[in-house]
């Protein structure tokens, strides 16, 4: 991302996604508390010791940022995927740091999710379908 307009655009999207996730969680917490699930565990409610949880977060985010910085010829799917994953991860991790849990409220079959989870999944899908990634595999 060499030009300043592009950096501003993706920074804006990052903060927009972060704000959207936190706003929905705040709304659900205030208005529909019966629907919420306070996830004190790792992803997919896996019981992982807290130090391992934060170590895993740190390693995965470091790898993602390192990959993104080193990747040449980033296309729009790469950039959007990175922003979705980073905003979702930062939202969930910061919530876990400040509250000790992550608020999940979207019930799908046997799981409970939040917007940040969907941002992360969408980001992974975008990276997977990135033309550059498929050609470099």
N, C-alpha and C. Protein backbone atom coordinates (compact mmCIF):
# COMPACT_ATOMS: atom_id res chain seq x y z
N UNK A 1 0.85 -1.17 0.00
CA UNK A 1 0.00 0.00 0.00
C UNK A 1 0.89 1.23 0.00
N UNK A 2 1.15 1.72 -1.17
CA UNK A 2 2.11 2.81 -1.28
C UNK A 2 1.47 4.18 -1.19
N UNK A 3 0.24 4.33 -1.66
CA UNK A 3 -0.28 5.69 -1.63
C UNK A 3 -1.11 5.94 -0.38
N UNK A 4 -1.14 7.19 0.02
CA UNK A 4 -1.76 7.58 1.29
C UNK A 4 -3.28 7.39 1.28
N UNK A 5 -3.94 7.62 0.14
CA UNK A 5 -5.39 7.44 0.06
C UNK A 5 -5.77 5.99 0.35
N UNK A 6 -4.99 5.08 -0.19
CA UNK A 6 -5.26 3.66 0.02
C UNK A 6 -5.06 3.29 1.49
N UNK A 7 -4.01 3.80 2.09
CA UNK A 7 -3.77 3.54 3.52
C UNK A 7 -4.91 4.09 4.37
N UNK A 8 -5.36 5.27 4.05
CA UNK A 8 -6.47 5.87 4.80
C UNK A 8 -7.74 5.05 4.62
N UNK A 9 -8.00 4.60 3.40
CA UNK A 9 -9.20 3.80 3.12
C UNK A 9 -9.19 2.51 3.94
N UNK A 10 -8.08 1.78 3.91
CA UNK A 10 -8.03 0.51 4.62
C UNK A 10 -7.99 0.72 6.14
N UNK A 11 -7.39 1.80 6.59
CA UNK A 11 -7.42 2.13 8.02
C UNK A 11 -8.85 2.45 8.45
N UNK A 12 -9.55 3.21 7.63
CA UNK A 12 -10.95 3.53 7.90
C UNK A 12 -11.78 2.25 7.98
N UNK A 13 -11.59 1.33 7.03
CA UNK A 13 -12.33 0.07 7.05
C UNK A 13 -12.02 -0.74 8.30
N UNK A 14 -10.74 -0.77 8.69
CA UNK A 14 -10.35 -1.48 9.91
C UNK A 14 -11.14 -0.95 11.11
N UNK A 15 -11.12 0.36 11.28
CA UNK A 15 -11.82 0.95 12.43
C UNK A 15 -13.33 0.84 12.30
N UNK A 16 -13.85 0.89 11.09
CA UNK A 16 -15.28 0.71 10.88
C UNK A 16 -15.73 -0.69 11.29
N UNK A 17 -14.99 -1.71 10.84
CA UNK A 17 -15.32 -3.10 11.21
C UNK A 17 -15.20 -3.31 12.71
N UNK A 18 -14.17 -2.76 13.30
CA UNK A 18 -13.96 -2.85 14.75
C UNK A 18 -15.14 -2.21 15.48
N UNK A 19 -15.50 -1.01 15.07
CA UNK A 19 -16.62 -0.29 15.69
C UNK A 19 -17.93 -1.03 15.49
N UNK A 20 -18.16 -1.56 14.31
CA UNK A 20 -19.38 -2.30 14.02
C UNK A 20 -19.51 -3.51 14.94
N UNK A 21 -18.44 -4.25 15.11
CA UNK A 21 -18.48 -5.42 15.98
C UNK A 21 -18.74 -5.01 17.43
N UNK A 22 -18.02 -4.03 17.91
CA UNK A 22 -18.18 -3.61 19.30
C UNK A 22 -19.56 -2.99 19.55
N UNK A 23 -20.08 -2.26 18.57
CA UNK A 23 -21.41 -1.66 18.71
C UNK A 23 -22.49 -2.73 18.79
N UNK A 24 -22.40 -3.74 17.93
CA UNK A 24 -23.41 -4.81 17.98
C UNK A 24 -23.34 -5.56 19.30
N UNK A 25 -22.15 -5.79 19.80
CA UNK A 25 -22.01 -6.49 21.08
C UNK A 25 -22.59 -5.65 22.22
N UNK A 26 -22.33 -4.36 22.18
CA UNK A 26 -22.85 -3.46 23.21
C UNK A 26 -24.38 -3.43 23.16
N UNK A 27 -24.93 -3.33 21.96
CA UNK A 27 -26.39 -3.31 21.79
C UNK A 27 -27.02 -4.59 22.32
N UNK A 28 -26.46 -5.71 21.92
CA UNK A 28 -27.01 -7.00 22.35
C UNK A 28 -26.89 -7.15 23.86
N UNK A 29 -25.79 -6.72 24.41
CA UNK A 29 -25.59 -6.81 25.86
C UNK A 29 -26.64 -5.99 26.60
N UNK A 30 -26.96 -4.81 26.10
CA UNK A 30 -27.93 -3.91 26.75
C UNK A 30 -29.38 -4.34 26.52
N UNK A 31 -29.70 -4.78 25.30
CA UNK A 31 -31.10 -4.99 24.93
C UNK A 31 -31.56 -6.44 24.93
N UNK A 32 -30.66 -7.35 24.62
CA UNK A 32 -31.08 -8.74 24.45
C UNK A 32 -30.16 -9.69 25.21
N UNK A 33 -29.99 -9.45 26.47
CA UNK A 33 -29.01 -10.21 27.24
C UNK A 33 -29.28 -11.71 27.29
N UNK A 34 -30.51 -12.12 26.99
CA UNK A 34 -30.83 -13.55 27.00
C UNK A 34 -30.15 -14.28 25.84
N UNK A 35 -29.80 -13.54 24.80
CA UNK A 35 -29.20 -14.16 23.61
C UNK A 35 -27.69 -14.30 23.70
N UNK A 36 -27.07 -13.63 24.65
CA UNK A 36 -25.60 -13.60 24.65
C UNK A 36 -24.99 -14.83 25.30
N UNK A 37 -23.79 -15.10 24.85
CA UNK A 37 -22.97 -16.15 25.43
C UNK A 37 -21.62 -15.52 25.73
N UNK A 38 -21.21 -15.55 26.98
CA UNK A 38 -19.92 -14.99 27.36
C UNK A 38 -18.87 -16.10 27.22
N UNK A 39 -18.14 -16.04 26.12
CA UNK A 39 -17.15 -17.06 25.81
C UNK A 39 -15.84 -16.74 26.53
N UNK A 40 -15.57 -17.49 27.57
CA UNK A 40 -14.34 -17.31 28.33
C UNK A 40 -13.21 -18.21 27.83
N UNK A 41 -13.52 -19.02 26.84
CA UNK A 41 -12.56 -19.97 26.30
C UNK A 41 -11.96 -19.46 24.99
N UNK A 42 -11.13 -20.28 24.41
CA UNK A 42 -10.46 -19.97 23.16
C UNK A 42 -11.45 -20.08 22.01
N UNK A 43 -10.99 -19.97 20.78
CA UNK A 43 -11.85 -20.10 19.61
C UNK A 43 -12.64 -21.40 19.66
N UNK A 44 -13.88 -21.33 19.20
CA UNK A 44 -14.78 -22.48 19.20
C UNK A 44 -15.00 -23.03 20.60
N UNK A 45 -14.84 -22.17 21.61
CA UNK A 45 -15.04 -22.52 23.03
C UNK A 45 -14.10 -23.62 23.51
N UNK A 46 -12.94 -23.75 22.88
CA UNK A 46 -11.96 -24.73 23.33
C UNK A 46 -11.35 -24.27 24.65
N UNK A 47 -11.23 -25.18 25.56
CA UNK A 47 -10.63 -24.86 26.85
C UNK A 47 -9.11 -24.94 26.73
N UNK A 48 -8.51 -23.77 26.65
CA UNK A 48 -7.07 -23.65 26.50
C UNK A 48 -6.58 -22.73 27.62
N UNK A 49 -5.49 -23.09 28.30
CA UNK A 49 -4.98 -22.21 29.34
C UNK A 49 -4.73 -20.80 28.79
N UNK A 50 -5.06 -19.81 29.58
CA UNK A 50 -4.97 -18.41 29.15
C UNK A 50 -3.61 -18.04 28.56
N UNK A 51 -2.49 -18.40 29.20
CA UNK A 51 -1.20 -18.04 28.59
C UNK A 51 -1.02 -18.62 27.19
N UNK A 52 -1.48 -19.85 26.97
CA UNK A 52 -1.38 -20.47 25.65
C UNK A 52 -2.28 -19.76 24.64
N UNK A 53 -3.44 -19.32 25.13
CA UNK A 53 -4.37 -18.61 24.27
C UNK A 53 -3.72 -17.33 23.71
N UNK A 54 -3.13 -16.54 24.60
CA UNK A 54 -2.51 -15.28 24.17
C UNK A 54 -1.23 -15.52 23.36
N UNK A 55 -0.52 -16.58 23.67
CA UNK A 55 0.65 -16.94 22.87
C UNK A 55 0.23 -17.30 21.45
N UNK A 56 -0.84 -18.08 21.34
CA UNK A 56 -1.35 -18.46 20.02
C UNK A 56 -1.82 -17.24 19.25
N UNK A 57 -2.56 -16.35 19.91
CA UNK A 57 -2.98 -15.11 19.25
C UNK A 57 -1.78 -14.33 18.74
N UNK A 58 -0.78 -14.19 19.59
CA UNK A 58 0.41 -13.41 19.23
C UNK A 58 1.14 -14.02 18.04
N UNK A 59 1.30 -15.32 18.06
CA UNK A 59 2.00 -16.00 16.96
C UNK A 59 1.23 -15.86 15.66
N UNK A 60 -0.08 -16.11 15.70
CA UNK A 60 -0.88 -16.04 14.47
C UNK A 60 -0.93 -14.63 13.90
N UNK A 61 -1.10 -13.63 14.76
CA UNK A 61 -1.13 -12.25 14.27
C UNK A 61 0.23 -11.82 13.75
N UNK A 62 1.29 -12.24 14.40
CA UNK A 62 2.64 -11.93 13.93
C UNK A 62 2.88 -12.54 12.55
N UNK A 63 2.49 -13.79 12.38
CA UNK A 63 2.64 -14.46 11.09
C UNK A 63 1.82 -13.77 10.01
N UNK A 64 0.59 -13.38 10.34
CA UNK A 64 -0.27 -12.71 9.37
C UNK A 64 0.32 -11.35 8.95
N UNK A 65 0.72 -10.56 9.92
CA UNK A 65 1.29 -9.24 9.61
C UNK A 65 2.59 -9.40 8.83
N UNK A 66 3.42 -10.34 9.22
CA UNK A 66 4.68 -10.59 8.52
C UNK A 66 4.43 -11.00 7.07
N UNK A 67 3.48 -11.91 6.86
CA UNK A 67 3.13 -12.34 5.51
C UNK A 67 2.66 -11.14 4.69
N UNK A 68 1.76 -10.34 5.28
CA UNK A 68 1.20 -9.21 4.54
C UNK A 68 2.26 -8.19 4.17
N UNK A 69 3.16 -7.89 5.08
CA UNK A 69 4.21 -6.90 4.81
C UNK A 69 5.15 -7.40 3.72
N UNK A 70 5.50 -8.69 3.74
CA UNK A 70 6.45 -9.23 2.78
C UNK A 70 5.84 -9.55 1.41
N UNK A 71 4.52 -9.73 1.37
CA UNK A 71 3.88 -10.13 0.11
C UNK A 71 3.99 -9.01 -0.92
N UNK A 72 4.42 -9.38 -2.09
CA UNK A 72 4.54 -8.44 -3.21
C UNK A 72 3.22 -8.42 -3.98
N UNK A 73 2.94 -7.33 -4.65
CA UNK A 73 1.78 -7.22 -5.54
C UNK A 73 0.47 -7.61 -4.87
N UNK A 74 0.17 -6.95 -3.77
CA UNK A 74 -1.08 -7.24 -3.05
C UNK A 74 -2.26 -6.77 -3.89
N UNK A 75 -3.25 -7.64 -4.05
CA UNK A 75 -4.45 -7.23 -4.77
C UNK A 75 -5.53 -6.85 -3.76
N UNK A 76 -6.69 -6.45 -4.24
CA UNK A 76 -7.75 -5.98 -3.36
C UNK A 76 -8.24 -7.08 -2.41
N UNK A 77 -8.27 -8.33 -2.88
CA UNK A 77 -8.70 -9.42 -2.00
C UNK A 77 -7.71 -9.63 -0.86
N UNK A 78 -6.42 -9.51 -1.15
CA UNK A 78 -5.40 -9.61 -0.10
C UNK A 78 -5.62 -8.53 0.95
N UNK A 79 -5.81 -7.31 0.48
CA UNK A 79 -5.92 -6.17 1.39
C UNK A 79 -7.20 -6.24 2.21
N UNK A 80 -8.32 -6.52 1.55
CA UNK A 80 -9.57 -6.63 2.30
C UNK A 80 -9.55 -7.83 3.25
N UNK A 81 -9.01 -8.94 2.79
CA UNK A 81 -8.90 -10.11 3.66
C UNK A 81 -8.09 -9.81 4.90
N UNK A 82 -6.97 -9.15 4.71
CA UNK A 82 -6.11 -8.77 5.83
C UNK A 82 -6.85 -7.84 6.79
N UNK A 83 -7.56 -6.85 6.27
CA UNK A 83 -8.29 -5.91 7.11
C UNK A 83 -9.40 -6.62 7.88
N UNK A 84 -10.13 -7.51 7.22
CA UNK A 84 -11.20 -8.25 7.91
C UNK A 84 -10.62 -9.10 9.05
N UNK A 85 -9.57 -9.85 8.77
CA UNK A 85 -8.98 -10.71 9.79
C UNK A 85 -8.43 -9.88 10.94
N UNK A 86 -7.69 -8.85 10.63
CA UNK A 86 -7.07 -8.03 11.66
C UNK A 86 -8.12 -7.32 12.52
N UNK A 87 -9.14 -6.76 11.90
CA UNK A 87 -10.16 -6.06 12.69
C UNK A 87 -10.94 -7.03 13.58
N UNK A 88 -11.28 -8.20 13.05
CA UNK A 88 -11.98 -9.19 13.86
C UNK A 88 -11.13 -9.69 15.01
N UNK A 89 -9.86 -9.96 14.73
CA UNK A 89 -8.95 -10.45 15.77
C UNK A 89 -8.72 -9.39 16.84
N UNK A 90 -8.46 -8.17 16.44
CA UNK A 90 -8.22 -7.10 17.41
C UNK A 90 -9.46 -6.86 18.27
N UNK A 91 -10.63 -6.90 17.66
CA UNK A 91 -11.87 -6.70 18.41
C UNK A 91 -12.05 -7.79 19.47
N UNK A 92 -11.93 -9.04 19.07
CA UNK A 92 -12.10 -10.14 20.01
C UNK A 92 -11.01 -10.18 21.08
N UNK A 93 -9.77 -9.96 20.68
CA UNK A 93 -8.67 -10.01 21.65
C UNK A 93 -8.77 -8.87 22.65
N UNK A 94 -9.08 -7.68 22.18
CA UNK A 94 -9.20 -6.55 23.11
C UNK A 94 -10.36 -6.76 24.07
N UNK A 95 -11.44 -7.30 23.58
CA UNK A 95 -12.58 -7.60 24.45
C UNK A 95 -12.21 -8.63 25.51
N UNK A 96 -11.47 -9.63 25.10
CA UNK A 96 -11.03 -10.67 26.04
C UNK A 96 -10.08 -10.08 27.08
N UNK A 97 -9.19 -9.19 26.65
CA UNK A 97 -8.25 -8.55 27.59
C UNK A 97 -8.97 -7.68 28.61
N UNK A 98 -9.95 -6.89 28.14
CA UNK A 98 -10.63 -5.95 29.04
C UNK A 98 -11.73 -6.61 29.88
N UNK A 99 -12.43 -7.59 29.31
CA UNK A 99 -13.57 -8.19 30.01
C UNK A 99 -13.31 -9.60 30.55
N UNK A 100 -12.31 -10.27 29.99
CA UNK A 100 -12.07 -11.65 30.38
C UNK A 100 -12.89 -12.64 29.57
N UNK A 101 -13.69 -12.15 28.64
CA UNK A 101 -14.52 -13.00 27.80
C UNK A 101 -14.86 -12.25 26.52
N UNK A 102 -15.39 -13.00 25.55
CA UNK A 102 -15.86 -12.42 24.30
C UNK A 102 -17.36 -12.65 24.22
N UNK A 103 -18.09 -11.63 23.83
CA UNK A 103 -19.55 -11.75 23.72
C UNK A 103 -19.89 -12.35 22.36
N UNK A 104 -20.58 -13.48 22.40
CA UNK A 104 -21.10 -14.12 21.20
C UNK A 104 -22.62 -14.08 21.28
N UNK A 105 -23.28 -13.84 20.14
CA UNK A 105 -24.74 -13.68 20.19
C UNK A 105 -25.45 -14.16 18.93
N UNK A 106 -24.73 -14.56 17.92
CA UNK A 106 -25.36 -15.03 16.68
C UNK A 106 -25.38 -16.55 16.74
N UNK A 107 -26.56 -17.10 16.94
CA UNK A 107 -26.73 -18.54 17.11
C UNK A 107 -26.93 -19.21 15.75
N UNK A 108 -26.01 -20.10 15.41
CA UNK A 108 -26.11 -20.87 14.16
C UNK A 108 -25.89 -22.34 14.50
N UNK A 109 -26.91 -23.13 14.29
CA UNK A 109 -26.89 -24.56 14.60
C UNK A 109 -26.41 -24.77 16.04
N UNK A 110 -25.25 -25.36 16.22
CA UNK A 110 -24.77 -25.65 17.57
C UNK A 110 -23.73 -24.65 18.07
N UNK A 111 -23.48 -23.60 17.29
CA UNK A 111 -22.46 -22.63 17.68
C UNK A 111 -23.05 -21.25 17.92
N UNK A 112 -22.26 -20.43 18.62
CA UNK A 112 -22.63 -19.05 18.87
C UNK A 112 -21.43 -18.19 18.45
N UNK A 113 -21.70 -17.16 17.65
CA UNK A 113 -20.64 -16.36 17.06
C UNK A 113 -20.91 -14.87 17.28
N UNK A 114 -20.00 -14.04 16.79
CA UNK A 114 -20.20 -12.60 16.76
C UNK A 114 -19.71 -12.09 15.41
N UNK A 115 -19.89 -10.79 15.16
CA UNK A 115 -19.47 -10.25 13.86
C UNK A 115 -17.97 -10.40 13.63
N UNK A 116 -17.16 -10.23 14.67
CA UNK A 116 -15.71 -10.36 14.53
C UNK A 116 -15.34 -11.75 14.01
N UNK A 117 -16.03 -12.77 14.50
CA UNK A 117 -15.78 -14.13 14.02
C UNK A 117 -16.06 -14.23 12.52
N UNK A 118 -17.16 -13.61 12.09
CA UNK A 118 -17.49 -13.63 10.66
C UNK A 118 -16.50 -12.81 9.85
N UNK A 119 -16.00 -11.71 10.41
CA UNK A 119 -14.98 -10.93 9.72
C UNK A 119 -13.73 -11.78 9.49
N UNK A 120 -13.34 -12.53 10.50
CA UNK A 120 -12.15 -13.38 10.38
C UNK A 120 -12.37 -14.46 9.32
N UNK A 121 -13.53 -15.09 9.35
CA UNK A 121 -13.85 -16.13 8.36
C UNK A 121 -13.89 -15.54 6.96
N UNK A 122 -14.54 -14.38 6.81
CA UNK A 122 -14.61 -13.72 5.51
C UNK A 122 -13.21 -13.36 5.01
N UNK A 123 -12.37 -12.86 5.91
CA UNK A 123 -10.99 -12.52 5.54
C UNK A 123 -10.22 -13.73 5.05
N UNK A 124 -10.37 -14.84 5.73
CA UNK A 124 -9.70 -16.08 5.31
C UNK A 124 -10.19 -16.52 3.93
N UNK A 125 -11.50 -16.43 3.71
CA UNK A 125 -12.06 -16.79 2.41
C UNK A 125 -11.52 -15.88 1.32
N UNK A 126 -11.46 -14.58 1.59
CA UNK A 126 -10.92 -13.64 0.59
C UNK A 126 -9.46 -13.95 0.27
N UNK A 127 -8.67 -14.24 1.29
CA UNK A 127 -7.26 -14.58 1.04
C UNK A 127 -7.15 -15.88 0.24
N UNK A 128 -8.01 -16.83 0.56
CA UNK A 128 -7.98 -18.11 -0.14
C UNK A 128 -8.30 -17.93 -1.62
N UNK A 129 -9.25 -17.06 -1.93
CA UNK A 129 -9.66 -16.87 -3.31
C UNK A 129 -8.90 -15.77 -4.04
N UNK A 130 -7.93 -15.20 -3.38
CA UNK A 130 -7.11 -14.18 -4.02
C UNK A 130 -6.40 -14.79 -5.22
N UNK A 131 -6.48 -14.12 -6.36
CA UNK A 131 -5.86 -14.65 -7.58
C UNK A 131 -4.36 -14.85 -7.40
N UNK A 132 -3.71 -13.89 -6.76
CA UNK A 132 -2.26 -14.02 -6.54
C UNK A 132 -1.95 -15.24 -5.68
N UNK A 133 -2.77 -15.48 -4.67
CA UNK A 133 -2.50 -16.61 -3.78
C UNK A 133 -2.67 -17.92 -4.53
N UNK A 134 -3.70 -18.02 -5.37
CA UNK A 134 -3.92 -19.26 -6.10
C UNK A 134 -2.81 -19.51 -7.10
N UNK A 135 -2.31 -18.43 -7.70
CA UNK A 135 -1.24 -18.58 -8.69
C UNK A 135 0.10 -18.88 -8.04
N UNK A 136 0.32 -18.43 -6.82
CA UNK A 136 1.58 -18.64 -6.13
C UNK A 136 1.61 -19.93 -5.33
N UNK A 137 0.51 -20.65 -5.30
CA UNK A 137 0.46 -21.90 -4.51
C UNK A 137 1.15 -23.02 -5.23
